[in-house]
Amino acid sequence: QVQLVESGGGSVQAGGSLRLSCTYSGGSMDVMGWYRQAPGKQRESVAEMDRSGTPSYADSLKGRFTISREPGRNLMYLEMSSLKAEDTAVYYCYAERYPYQYWGQGTQVTVSS
């Protein structure tokens, strides 16, 4: 049984930082990452990391967001800095073990200007 649980969301002022955490269980994954969905918009990819630890980011977020993992502790993080109002969204942890995808319940991030 794969389970993903996000934490660390909240409210922050523009220019501030937050760190999201994802605790997962159910075995190793091929890819893990973060998506977000803003009100009235489609869910979009934020960052992901493959089994080798290679990260990739949405072009618009490079330099502000950093994804990392602690496989030994079944943890994944998303460090977010220089936050903007447009970063306000529900952030979802996801994992992929081919051919299946798994999702957390999401955590709200609200950035006020």
PDB file of N, CA and C in Angstrom:
ATOM      1  N   GLN A   1       0.845  -1.182   0.000  1.00  0.00           N
ATOM      2  CA  GLN A   1       0.000   0.000   0.000  1.00  0.00           C
ATOM      3  C   GLN A   1       0.886   1.241   0.000  1.00  0.00           C
ATOM      4  N   VAL A   2       0.767   2.043  -1.044  1.00  0.00           N
ATOM      5  CA  VAL A   2       1.564   3.264  -1.140  1.00  0.00           C
ATOM      6  C   VAL A   2       0.786   4.407  -0.515  1.00  0.00           C
ATOM      7  N   GLN A   3       1.453   5.148   0.350  1.00  0.00           N
ATOM      8  CA  GLN A   3       0.833   6.328   0.956  1.00  0.00           C
ATOM      9  C   GLN A   3       1.809   7.489   0.895  1.00  0.00           C
ATOM     10  N   LEU A   4       1.269   8.647   0.573  1.00  0.00           N
ATOM     11  CA  LEU A   4       2.044   9.878   0.515  1.00  0.00           C
ATOM     12  C   LEU A   4       1.334  10.911   1.375  1.00  0.00           C
ATOM     13  N   VAL A   5       2.072  11.558   2.267  1.00  0.00           N
ATOM     14  CA  VAL A   5       1.471  12.550   3.144  1.00  0.00           C
ATOM     15  C   VAL A   5       2.333  13.807   3.133  1.00  0.00           C
ATOM     16  N   GLU A   6       1.719  14.912   2.697  1.00  0.00           N
ATOM     17  CA  GLU A   6       2.432  16.183   2.668  1.00  0.00           C
ATOM     18  C   GLU A   6       2.267  16.931   3.991  1.00  0.00           C
ATOM     19  N   SER A   7       3.224  17.791   4.277  1.00  0.00           N
ATOM     20  CA  SER A   7       3.140  18.695   5.413  1.00  0.00           C
ATOM     21  C   SER A   7       3.998  19.914   5.124  1.00  0.00           C
ATOM     22  N   GLY A   8       3.794  20.962   5.916  1.00  0.00           N
ATOM     23  CA  GLY A   8       4.631  22.142   5.797  1.00  0.00           C
ATOM     24  C   GLY A   8       4.006  23.315   5.081  1.00  0.00           C
ATOM     25  N   GLY A   9       2.801  23.141   4.563  1.00  0.00           N
ATOM     26  CA  GLY A   9       2.155  24.255   3.909  1.00  0.00           C
ATOM     27  C   GLY A   9       1.728  25.305   4.920  1.00  0.00           C
ATOM     28  N   GLY A  10       1.289  26.448   4.406  1.00  0.00           N
ATOM     29  CA  GLY A  10       0.843  27.511   5.284  1.00  0.00           C
ATOM     30  C   GLY A  10       0.794  28.826   4.555  1.00  0.00           C
ATOM     31  N   SER A  11       0.732  29.895   5.325  1.00  0.00           N
ATOM     32  CA  SER A  11       0.665  31.239   4.769  1.00  0.00           C
ATOM     33  C   SER A  11       1.989  31.954   4.995  1.00  0.00           C
ATOM     34  N   VAL A  12       2.423  32.678   3.981  1.00  0.00           N
ATOM     35  CA  VAL A  12       3.690  33.395   4.049  1.00  0.00           C
ATOM     36  C   VAL A  12       3.572  34.660   3.223  1.00  0.00           C
ATOM     37  N   GLN A  13       4.344  35.655   3.575  1.00  0.00           N
ATOM     38  CA  GLN A  13       4.340  36.888   2.788  1.00  0.00           C
ATOM     39  C   GLN A  13       5.249  36.736   1.576  1.00  0.00           C
ATOM     40  N   ALA A  14       4.950  37.504   0.567  1.00  0.00           N
ATOM     41  CA  ALA A  14       5.774  37.506  -0.641  1.00  0.00           C
ATOM     42  C   ALA A  14       7.227  37.768  -0.277  1.00  0.00           C
ATOM     43  N   GLY A  15       8.110  37.006  -0.913  1.00  0.00           N
ATOM     44  CA  GLY A  15       9.526  37.102  -0.614  1.00  0.00           C
ATOM     45  C   GLY A  15       9.998  36.109   0.428  1.00  0.00           C
ATOM     46  N   GLY A  16       9.064  35.470   1.100  1.00  0.00           N
ATOM     47  CA  GLY A  16       9.405  34.512   2.142  1.00  0.00           C
ATOM     48  C   GLY A  16       9.706  33.124   1.600  1.00  0.00           C
ATOM     49  N   SER A  17       9.911  32.205   2.529  1.00  0.00           N
ATOM     50  CA  SER A  17      10.290  30.833   2.176  1.00  0.00           C
ATOM     51  C   SER A  17       9.426  29.837   2.929  1.00  0.00           C
ATOM     52  N   LEU A  18       9.294  28.661   2.355  1.00  0.00           N
ATOM     53  CA  LEU A  18       8.618  27.539   2.995  1.00  0.00           C
ATOM     54  C   LEU A  18       9.304  26.263   2.573  1.00  0.00           C
ATOM     55  N   ARG A  19       9.227  25.249   3.442  1.00  0.00           N
ATOM     56  CA  ARG A  19       9.696  23.927   3.061  1.00  0.00           C
ATOM     57  C   ARG A  19       8.551  22.935   3.233  1.00  0.00           C
ATOM     58  N   LEU A  20       8.219  22.283   2.146  1.00  0.00           N
ATOM     59  CA  LEU A  20       7.218  21.226   2.177  1.00  0.00           C
ATOM     60  C   LEU A  20       7.918  19.878   2.340  1.00  0.00           C
ATOM     61  N   SER A  21       7.248  18.996   3.063  1.00  0.00           N
ATOM     62  CA  SER A  21       7.762  17.644   3.245  1.00  0.00           C
ATOM     63  C   SER A  21       6.729  16.638   2.756  1.00  0.00           C
ATOM     64  N   CYS A  22       7.220  15.535   2.270  1.00  0.00           N
ATOM     65  CA  CYS A  22       6.358  14.418   1.870  1.00  0.00           C
ATOM     66  C   CYS A  22       6.918  13.149   2.484  1.00  0.00           C
ATOM     67  N   THR A  23       6.116  12.523   3.314  1.00  0.00           N
ATOM     68  CA  THR A  23       6.482  11.233   3.891  1.00  0.00           C
ATOM     69  C   THR A  23       5.794  10.155   3.080  1.00  0.00           C
ATOM     70  N   TYR A  24       6.559   9.156   2.649  1.00  0.00           N
ATOM     71  CA  TYR A  24       5.939   8.122   1.826  1.00  0.00           C
ATOM     72  C   TYR A  24       6.256   6.740   2.362  1.00  0.00           C
ATOM     73  N   SER A  25       5.384   5.818   2.028  1.00  0.00           N
ATOM     74  CA  SER A  25       5.556   4.429   2.420  1.00  0.00           C
ATOM     75  C   SER A  25       5.070   3.540   1.289  1.00  0.00           C
ATOM     76  N   GLY A  26       5.519   2.308   1.307  1.00  0.00           N
ATOM     77  CA  GLY A  26       5.072   1.382   0.284  1.00  0.00           C
ATOM     78  C   GLY A  26       6.147   0.971  -0.692  1.00  0.00           C
ATOM     79  N   GLY A  27       7.389   1.258  -0.367  1.00  0.00           N
ATOM     80  CA  GLY A  27       8.481   0.789  -1.209  1.00  0.00           C
ATOM     81  C   GLY A  27       9.130   1.897  -2.008  1.00  0.00           C
ATOM     82  N   SER A  28      10.173   1.533  -2.732  1.00  0.00           N
ATOM     83  CA  SER A  28      10.913   2.515  -3.508  1.00  0.00           C
ATOM     84  C   SER A  28      10.145   2.894  -4.773  1.00  0.00           C
ATOM     85  N   MET A  29      10.431   4.086  -5.251  1.00  0.00           N
ATOM     86  CA  MET A  29       9.723   4.642  -6.401  1.00  0.00           C
ATOM     87  C   MET A  29      10.698   4.957  -7.528  1.00  0.00           C
ATOM     88  N   ASP A  30      10.185   4.935  -8.741  1.00  0.00           N
ATOM     89  CA  ASP A  30      11.016   5.281  -9.894  1.00  0.00           C
ATOM     90  C   ASP A  30      11.204   6.790 -10.016  1.00  0.00           C
ATOM     91  N   VAL A  31      10.139   7.516  -9.774  1.00  0.00           N
ATOM     92  CA  VAL A  31      10.164   8.980  -9.836  1.00  0.00           C
ATOM     93  C   VAL A  31       9.312   9.518  -8.702  1.00  0.00           C
ATOM     94  N   MET A  32       9.770  10.607  -8.109  1.00  0.00           N
ATOM     95  CA  MET A  32       8.955  11.312  -7.126  1.00  0.00           C
ATOM     96  C   MET A  32       9.018  12.794  -7.441  1.00  0.00           C
ATOM     97  N   GLY A  33       7.959  13.508  -7.061  1.00  0.00           N
ATOM     98  CA  GLY A  33       7.969  14.915  -7.383  1.00  0.00           C
ATOM     99  C   GLY A  33       6.829  15.678  -6.747  1.00  0.00           C
ATOM    100  N   TRP A  34       6.725  16.917  -7.181  1.00  0.00           N
ATOM    101  CA  TRP A  34       5.704  17.826  -6.677  1.00  0.00           C
ATOM    102  C   TRP A  34       4.940  18.444  -7.842  1.00  0.00           C
ATOM    103  N   TYR A  35       3.633  18.526  -7.680  1.00  0.00           N
ATOM    104  CA  TYR A  35       2.760  19.255  -8.577  1.00  0.00           C
ATOM    105  C   TYR A  35       2.053  20.322  -7.751  1.00  0.00           C
ATOM    106  N   ARG A  36       1.435  21.268  -8.441  1.00  0.00           N
ATOM    107  CA  ARG A  36       0.607  22.248  -7.753  1.00  0.00           C
ATOM    108  C   ARG A  36      -0.604  22.597  -8.607  1.00  0.00           C
ATOM    109  N   GLN A  37      -1.640  23.043  -7.935  1.00  0.00           N
ATOM    110  CA  GLN A  37      -2.848  23.464  -8.633  1.00  0.00           C
ATOM    111  C   GLN A  37      -3.373  24.732  -7.978  1.00  0.00           C
ATOM    112  N   ALA A  38      -3.369  25.799  -8.763  1.00  0.00           N
ATOM    113  CA  ALA A  38      -3.893  27.079  -8.307  1.00  0.00           C
ATOM    114  C   ALA A  38      -5.388  27.142  -8.614  1.00  0.00           C
ATOM    115  N   PRO A  39      -6.127  27.977  -7.915  1.00  0.00           N
ATOM    116  CA  PRO A  39      -7.567  28.091  -8.154  1.00  0.00           C
ATOM    117  C   PRO A  39      -7.870  28.419  -9.616  1.00  0.00           C
ATOM    118  N   GLY A  40      -8.742  27.647 -10.216  1.00  0.00           N
ATOM    119  CA  GLY A  40      -9.154  27.886 -11.587  1.00  0.00           C
ATOM    120  C   GLY A  40      -8.144  27.478 -12.633  1.00  0.00           C
ATOM    121  N   LYS A  41      -7.060  26.816 -12.225  1.00  0.00           N
ATOM    122  CA  LYS A  41      -6.026  26.414 -13.180  1.00  0.00           C
ATOM    123  C   LYS A  41      -5.806  24.903 -13.142  1.00  0.00           C
ATOM    124  N   GLN A  42      -5.159  24.411 -14.177  1.00  0.00           N
ATOM    125  CA  GLN A  42      -4.840  22.987 -14.225  1.00  0.00           C
ATOM    126  C   GLN A  42      -3.664  22.670 -13.313  1.00  0.00           C
ATOM    127  N   ARG A  43      -3.612  21.429 -12.893  1.00  0.00           N
ATOM    128  CA  ARG A  43      -2.482  20.979 -12.097  1.00  0.00           C
ATOM    129  C   ARG A  43      -1.227  21.012 -12.973  1.00  0.00           C
ATOM    130  N   GLU A  44      -0.133  21.506 -12.418  1.00  0.00           N
ATOM    131  CA  GLU A  44       1.103  21.616 -13.188  1.00  0.00           C
ATOM    132  C   GLU A  44       2.277  21.032 -12.403  1.00  0.00           C
ATOM    133  N   SER A  45       3.245  20.553 -13.159  1.00  0.00           N
ATOM    134  CA  SER A  45       4.428  19.991 -12.548  1.00  0.00           C
ATOM    135  C   SER A  45       5.321  21.101 -11.991  1.00  0.00           C
ATOM    136  N   VAL A  46       5.846  20.876 -10.814  1.00  0.00           N
ATOM    137  CA  VAL A  46       6.759  21.822 -10.181  1.00  0.00           C
ATOM    138  C   VAL A  46       8.196  21.302 -10.272  1.00  0.00           C
ATOM    139  N   ALA A  47       8.407  20.100  -9.799  1.00  0.00           N
ATOM    140  CA  ALA A  47       9.751  19.519  -9.778  1.00  0.00           C
ATOM    141  C   ALA A  47       9.624  18.019  -9.612  1.00  0.00           C
ATOM    142  N   GLU A  48      10.620  17.303 -10.084  1.00  0.00           N
ATOM    143  CA  GLU A  48      10.645  15.869  -9.863  1.00  0.00           C
ATOM    144  C   GLU A  48      12.083  15.383  -9.781  1.00  0.00           C
ATOM    145  N   MET A  49      12.213  14.179  -9.227  1.00  0.00           N
ATOM    146  CA  MET A  49      13.541  13.598  -9.073  1.00  0.00           C
ATOM    147  C   MET A  49      13.446  12.115  -9.390  1.00  0.00           C
ATOM    148  N   ASP A  50      14.357  11.622 -10.219  1.00  0.00           N
ATOM    149  CA  ASP A  50      14.306  10.210 -10.566  1.00  0.00           C
ATOM    150  C   ASP A  50      15.074   9.377  -9.549  1.00  0.00           C
ATOM    151  N   ARG A  51      15.112   8.081  -9.791  1.00  0.00           N
ATOM    152  CA  ARG A  51      15.698   7.154  -8.828  1.00  0.00           C
ATOM    153  C   ARG A  51      17.167   7.446  -8.582  1.00  0.00           C
ATOM    154  N   SER A  52      17.841   8.001  -9.604  1.00  0.00           N
ATOM    155  CA  SER A  52      19.273   8.281  -9.453  1.00  0.00           C
ATOM    156  C   SER A  52      19.524   9.571  -8.680  1.00  0.00           C
ATOM    157  N   GLY A  53      18.451  10.324  -8.411  1.00  0.00           N
ATOM    158  CA  GLY A  53      18.612  11.578  -7.695  1.00  0.00           C
ATOM    159  C   GLY A  53      18.739  12.797  -8.587  1.00  0.00           C
ATOM    160  N   THR A  54      18.526  12.623  -9.869  1.00  0.00           N
ATOM    161  CA  THR A  54      18.612  13.745 -10.803  1.00  0.00           C
ATOM    162  C   THR A  54      17.327  14.564 -10.746  1.00  0.00           C
ATOM    163  N   PRO A  55      17.438  15.864 -10.437  1.00  0.00           N
ATOM    164  CA  PRO A  55      16.231  16.692 -10.360  1.00  0.00           C
ATOM    165  C   PRO A  55      15.909  17.357 -11.695  1.00  0.00           C
ATOM    166  N   SER A  56      14.656  17.720 -11.838  1.00  0.00           N
ATOM    167  CA  SER A  56      14.247  18.560 -12.955  1.00  0.00           C
ATOM    168  C   SER A  56      13.157  19.487 -12.445  1.00  0.00           C
ATOM    169  N   TYR A  57      13.082  20.664 -13.074  1.00  0.00           N
ATOM    170  CA  TYR A  57      12.181  21.705 -12.602  1.00  0.00           C
ATOM    171  C   TYR A  57      11.401  22.323 -13.749  1.00  0.00           C
ATOM    172  N   ALA A  58      10.229  22.860 -13.400  1.00  0.00           N
ATOM    173  CA  ALA A  58       9.524  23.699 -14.351  1.00  0.00           C
ATOM    174  C   ALA A  58      10.410  24.905 -14.625  1.00  0.00           C
ATOM    175  N   ASP A  59      10.508  25.282 -15.883  1.00  0.00           N
ATOM    176  CA  ASP A  59      11.432  26.367 -16.267  1.00  0.00           C
ATOM    177  C   ASP A  59      11.195  27.640 -15.463  1.00  0.00           C
ATOM    178  N   SER A  60       9.931  27.953 -15.213  1.00  0.00           N
ATOM    179  CA  SER A  60       9.592  29.216 -14.547  1.00  0.00           C
ATOM    180  C   SER A  60       9.973  29.219 -13.077  1.00  0.00           C
ATOM    181  N   LEU A  61      10.311  28.048 -12.513  1.00  0.00           N
ATOM    182  CA  LEU A  61      10.590  27.955 -11.082  1.00  0.00           C
ATOM    183  C   LEU A  61      12.064  27.700 -10.776  1.00  0.00           C
ATOM    184  N   LYS A  62      12.852  27.481 -11.799  1.00  0.00           N
ATOM    185  CA  LYS A  62      14.276  27.226 -11.566  1.00  0.00           C
ATOM    186  C   LYS A  62      14.917  28.371 -10.803  1.00  0.00           C
ATOM    187  N   GLY A  63      15.731  28.003  -9.825  1.00  0.00           N
ATOM    188  CA  GLY A  63      16.431  28.999  -9.033  1.00  0.00           C
ATOM    189  C   GLY A  63      15.699  29.390  -7.775  1.00  0.00           C
ATOM    190  N   ARG A  64      14.395  29.127  -7.713  1.00  0.00           N
ATOM    191  CA  ARG A  64      13.644  29.469  -6.505  1.00  0.00           C
ATOM    192  C   ARG A  64      13.214  28.225  -5.721  1.00  0.00           C
ATOM    193  N   PHE A  65      13.000  27.119  -6.426  1.00  0.00           N
ATOM    194  CA  PHE A  65      12.522  25.892  -5.791  1.00  0.00           C
ATOM    195  C   PHE A  65      13.609  24.831  -5.876  1.00  0.00           C
ATOM    196  N   THR A  66      13.732  24.031  -4.819  1.00  0.00           N
ATOM    197  CA  THR A  66      14.710  22.949  -4.784  1.00  0.00           C
ATOM    198  C   THR A  66      14.060  21.689  -4.247  1.00  0.00           C
ATOM    199  N   ILE A  67      14.172  20.616  -4.994  1.00  0.00           N
ATOM    200  CA  ILE A  67      13.637  19.325  -4.566  1.00  0.00           C
ATOM    201  C   ILE A  67      14.777  18.475  -4.026  1.00  0.00           C
ATOM    202  N   SER A  68      14.495  17.724  -2.982  1.00  0.00           N
ATOM    203  CA  SER A  68      15.502  16.824  -2.430  1.00  0.00           C
ATOM    204  C   SER A  68      14.806  15.621  -1.811  1.00  0.00           C
ATOM    205  N   ARG A  69      15.572  14.575  -1.598  1.00  0.00           N
ATOM    206  CA  ARG A  69      15.033  13.351  -1.015  1.00  0.00           C
ATOM    207  C   ARG A  69      15.970  12.793   0.036  1.00  0.00           C
ATOM    208  N   GLU A  70      15.410  12.104   0.990  1.00  0.00           N
ATOM    209  CA  GLU A  70      16.145  11.293   1.950  1.00  0.00           C
ATOM    210  C   GLU A  70      15.563   9.882   1.864  1.00  0.00           C
ATOM    211  N   PRO A  71      16.029   9.096   0.909  1.00  0.00           N
ATOM    212  CA  PRO A  71      15.432   7.775   0.708  1.00  0.00           C
ATOM    213  C   PRO A  71      15.476   6.894   1.949  1.00  0.00           C
ATOM    214  N   GLY A  72      16.526   7.006   2.740  1.00  0.00           N
ATOM    215  CA  GLY A  72      16.639   6.180   3.937  1.00  0.00           C
ATOM    216  C   GLY A  72      15.574   6.487   4.960  1.00  0.00           C
ATOM    217  N   ARG A  73      15.010   7.684   4.892  1.00  0.00           N
ATOM    218  CA  ARG A  73      13.975   8.092   5.823  1.00  0.00           C
ATOM    219  C   ARG A  73      12.621   8.236   5.133  1.00  0.00           C
ATOM    220  N   ASN A  74      12.557   7.848   3.866  1.00  0.00           N
ATOM    221  CA  ASN A  74      11.300   7.947   3.101  1.00  0.00           C
ATOM    222  C   ASN A  74      10.726   9.353   3.138  1.00  0.00           C
ATOM    223  N   LEU A  75      11.594  10.327   2.913  1.00  0.00           N
ATOM    224  CA  LEU A  75      11.184  11.716   2.923  1.00  0.00           C
ATOM    225  C   LEU A  75      11.588  12.404   1.624  1.00  0.00           C
ATOM    226  N   MET A  76      10.745  13.330   1.207  1.00  0.00           N
ATOM    227  CA  MET A  76      11.051  14.190   0.080  1.00  0.00           C
ATOM    228  C   MET A  76      10.681  15.607   0.482  1.00  0.00           C
ATOM    229  N   TYR A  77      11.447  16.569  -0.024  1.00  0.00           N
ATOM    230  CA  TYR A  77      11.237  17.956   0.353  1.00  0.00           C
ATOM    231  C   TYR A  77      11.095  18.847  -0.884  1.00  0.00           C
ATOM    232  N   LEU A  78      10.457  19.972  -0.673  1.00  0.00           N
ATOM    233  CA  LEU A  78      10.445  21.040  -1.661  1.00  0.00           C
ATOM    234  C   LEU A  78      10.740  22.328  -0.909  1.00  0.00           C
ATOM    235  N   GLU A  79      11.941  22.860  -1.149  1.00  0.00           N
ATOM    236  CA  GLU A  79      12.316  24.134  -0.557  1.00  0.00           C
ATOM    237  C   GLU A  79      11.894  25.235  -1.524  1.00  0.00           C
ATOM    238  N   MET A  80      11.113  26.191  -1.031  1.00  0.00           N
ATOM    239  CA  MET A  80      10.613  27.267  -1.872  1.00  0.00           C
ATOM    240  C   MET A  80      11.077  28.589  -1.291  1.00  0.00           C
ATOM    241  N   SER A  81      11.691  29.412  -2.110  1.00  0.00           N
ATOM    242  CA  SER A  81      12.170  30.708  -1.655  1.00  0.00           C
ATOM    243  C   SER A  81      11.691  31.806  -2.596  1.00  0.00           C
ATOM    244  N   SER A  82      11.851  33.050  -2.157  1.00  0.00           N
ATOM    245  CA  SER A  82      11.402  34.216  -2.940  1.00  0.00           C
ATOM    246  C   SER A  82       9.991  33.995  -3.452  1.00  0.00           C
ATOM    247  N   LEU A  83       9.134  33.575  -2.558  1.00  0.00           N
ATOM    248  CA  LEU A  83       7.773  33.217  -2.961  1.00  0.00           C
ATOM    249  C   LEU A  83       7.001  34.423  -3.461  1.00  0.00           C
ATOM    250  N   LYS A  84       6.141  34.154  -4.442  1.00  0.00           N
ATOM    251  CA  LYS A  84       5.324  35.185  -5.062  1.00  0.00           C
ATOM    252  C   LYS A  84       3.853  34.840  -4.869  1.00  0.00           C
ATOM    253  N   ALA A  85       3.010  35.828  -5.024  1.00  0.00           N
ATOM    254  CA  ALA A  85       1.570  35.585  -4.887  1.00  0.00           C
ATOM    255  C   ALA A  85       1.100  34.503  -5.858  1.00  0.00           C
ATOM    256  N   GLU A  86       1.691  34.455  -7.030  1.00  0.00           N
ATOM    257  CA  GLU A  86       1.281  33.453  -8.029  1.00  0.00           C
ATOM    258  C   GLU A  86       1.727  32.042  -7.686  1.00  0.00           C
ATOM    259  N   ASP A  87       2.515  31.886  -6.615  1.00  0.00           N
ATOM    260  CA  ASP A  87       2.859  30.541  -6.145  1.00  0.00           C
ATOM    261  C   ASP A  87       1.755  29.960  -5.259  1.00  0.00           C
ATOM    262  N   THR A  88       0.750  30.759  -4.953  1.00  0.00           N
ATOM    263  CA  THR A  88      -0.369  30.268  -4.147  1.00  0.00           C
ATOM    264  C   THR A  88      -1.067  29.124  -4.866  1.00  0.00           C
ATOM    265  N   ALA A  89      -1.171  27.988  -4.180  1.00  0.00           N
ATOM    266  CA  ALA A  89      -1.751  26.796  -4.789  1.00  0.00           C
ATOM    267  C   ALA A  89      -1.809  25.686  -3.744  1.00  0.00           C
ATOM    268  N   VAL A  90      -2.478  24.620  -4.108  1.00  0.00           N
ATOM    269  CA  VAL A  90      -2.372  23.376  -3.348  1.00  0.00           C
ATOM    270  C   VAL A  90      -1.224  22.586  -3.964  1.00  0.00           C
ATOM    271  N   TYR A  91      -0.300  22.174  -3.135  1.00  0.00           N
ATOM    272  CA  TYR A  91       0.874  21.431  -3.591  1.00  0.00           C
ATOM    273  C   TYR A  91       0.704  19.954  -3.260  1.00  0.00           C
ATOM    274  N   TYR A  92       0.950  19.123  -4.278  1.00  0.00           N
ATOM    275  CA  TYR A  92       0.758  17.689  -4.158  1.00  0.00           C
ATOM    276  C   TYR A  92       2.077  16.950  -4.322  1.00  0.00           C
ATOM    277  N   CYS A  93       2.281  16.010  -3.452  1.00  0.00           N
ATOM    278  CA  CYS A  93       3.385  15.073  -3.599  1.00  0.00           C
ATOM    279  C   CYS A  93       2.910  13.930  -4.502  1.00  0.00           C
ATOM    280  N   TYR A  94       3.755  13.477  -5.400  1.00  0.00           N
ATOM    281  CA  TYR A  94       3.364  12.337  -6.204  1.00  0.00           C
ATOM    282  C   TYR A  94       4.548  11.392  -6.376  1.00  0.00           C
ATOM    283  N   ALA A  95       4.223  10.163  -6.677  1.00  0.00           N
ATOM    284  CA  ALA A  95       5.237   9.143  -6.884  1.00  0.00           C
ATOM    285  C   ALA A  95       4.802   8.240  -8.023  1.00  0.00           C
ATOM    286  N   GLU A  96       5.779   7.726  -8.706  1.00  0.00           N
ATOM    287  CA  GLU A  96       5.506   6.851  -9.845  1.00  0.00           C
ATOM    288  C   GLU A  96       6.347   5.582  -9.726  1.00  0.00           C
ATOM    289  N   ARG A  97       5.652   4.481  -9.795  1.00  0.00           N
ATOM    290  CA  ARG A  97       6.299   3.175  -9.932  1.00  0.00           C
ATOM    291  C   ARG A  97       5.619   2.545 -11.120  1.00  0.00           C
ATOM    292  N   TYR A  98       6.357   2.591 -12.226  1.00  0.00           N
ATOM    293  CA  TYR A  98       5.763   2.233 -13.512  1.00  0.00           C
ATOM    294  C   TYR A  98       4.940   0.947 -13.400  1.00  0.00           C
ATOM    295  N   PRO A  99       3.686   0.950 -13.955  1.00  0.00           N
ATOM    296  CA  PRO A  99       2.995   2.026 -14.664  1.00  0.00           C
ATOM    297  C   PRO A  99       2.040   2.835 -13.792  1.00  0.00           C
ATOM    298  N   TYR A 100       2.238   2.792 -12.481  1.00  0.00           N
ATOM    299  CA  TYR A 100       1.266   3.426 -11.589  1.00  0.00           C
ATOM    300  C   TYR A 100       1.771   4.768 -11.052  1.00  0.00           C
ATOM    301  N   GLN A 101       0.809   5.656 -10.782  1.00  0.00           N
ATOM    302  CA  GLN A 101       1.092   6.932 -10.129  1.00  0.00           C
ATOM    303  C   GLN A 101       0.298   7.025  -8.837  1.00  0.00           C
ATOM    304  N   TYR A 102       0.900   7.680  -7.858  1.00  0.00           N
ATOM    305  CA  TYR A 102       0.280   7.819  -6.556  1.00  0.00           C
ATOM    306  C   TYR A 102       0.338   9.292  -6.138  1.00  0.00           C
ATOM    307  N   TRP A 103      -0.685   9.716  -5.402  1.00  0.00           N
ATOM    308  CA  TRP A 103      -0.796  11.123  -5.032  1.00  0.00           C
ATOM    309  C   TRP A 103      -1.077  11.280  -3.548  1.00  0.00           C
ATOM    310  N   GLY A 104      -0.533  12.366  -2.966  1.00  0.00           N
ATOM    311  CA  GLY A 104      -0.907  12.755  -1.629  1.00  0.00           C
ATOM    312  C   GLY A 104      -2.192  13.569  -1.664  1.00  0.00           C
ATOM    313  N   GLN A 105      -2.626  13.998  -0.503  1.00  0.00           N
ATOM    314  CA  GLN A 105      -3.892  14.720  -0.407  1.00  0.00           C
ATOM    315  C   GLN A 105      -3.722  16.209  -0.661  1.00  0.00           C
ATOM    316  N   GLY A 106      -2.491  16.690  -0.667  1.00  0.00           N
ATOM    317  CA  GLY A 106      -2.222  18.090  -0.947  1.00  0.00           C
ATOM    318  C   GLY A 106      -2.072  18.930   0.305  1.00  0.00           C
ATOM    319  N   THR A 107      -1.302  19.999   0.173  1.00  0.00           N
ATOM    320  CA  THR A 107      -1.127  20.951   1.264  1.00  0.00           C
ATOM    321  C   THR A 107      -1.196  22.359   0.676  1.00  0.00           C
ATOM    322  N   GLN A 108      -1.923  23.228   1.344  1.00  0.00           N
ATOM    323  CA  GLN A 108      -2.163  24.576   0.834  1.00  0.00           C
ATOM    324  C   GLN A 108      -0.993  25.492   1.135  1.00  0.00           C
ATOM    325  N   VAL A 109      -0.568  26.219   0.122  1.00  0.00           N
ATOM    326  CA  VAL A 109       0.422  27.283   0.284  1.00  0.00           C
ATOM    327  C   VAL A 109      -0.226  28.581  -0.177  1.00  0.00           C
ATOM    328  N   THR A 110      -0.226  29.558   0.697  1.00  0.00           N
ATOM    329  CA  THR A 110      -0.816  30.859   0.384  1.00  0.00           C
ATOM    330  C   THR A 110       0.237  31.942   0.571  1.00  0.00           C
ATOM    331  N   VAL A 111       0.490  32.685  -0.491  1.00  0.00           N
ATOM    332  CA  VAL A 111       1.484  33.758  -0.457  1.00  0.00           C
ATOM    333  C   VAL A 111       0.747  35.081  -0.593  1.00  0.00           C
ATOM    334  N   SER A 112       0.906  35.941   0.380  1.00  0.00           N
ATOM    335  CA  SER A 112       0.229  37.233   0.357  1.00  0.00           C
ATOM    336  C   SER A 112       1.215  38.325  -0.040  1.00  0.00           C
ATOM    337  N   SER A 113       0.712  39.222  -0.855  1.00  0.00           N
ATOM    338  CA  SER A 113       1.581  40.305  -1.355  1.00  0.00           C
ATOM    339  C   SER A 113       1.446  41.552  -0.505  1.00  0.00           C
TER     340      SER A 113
END
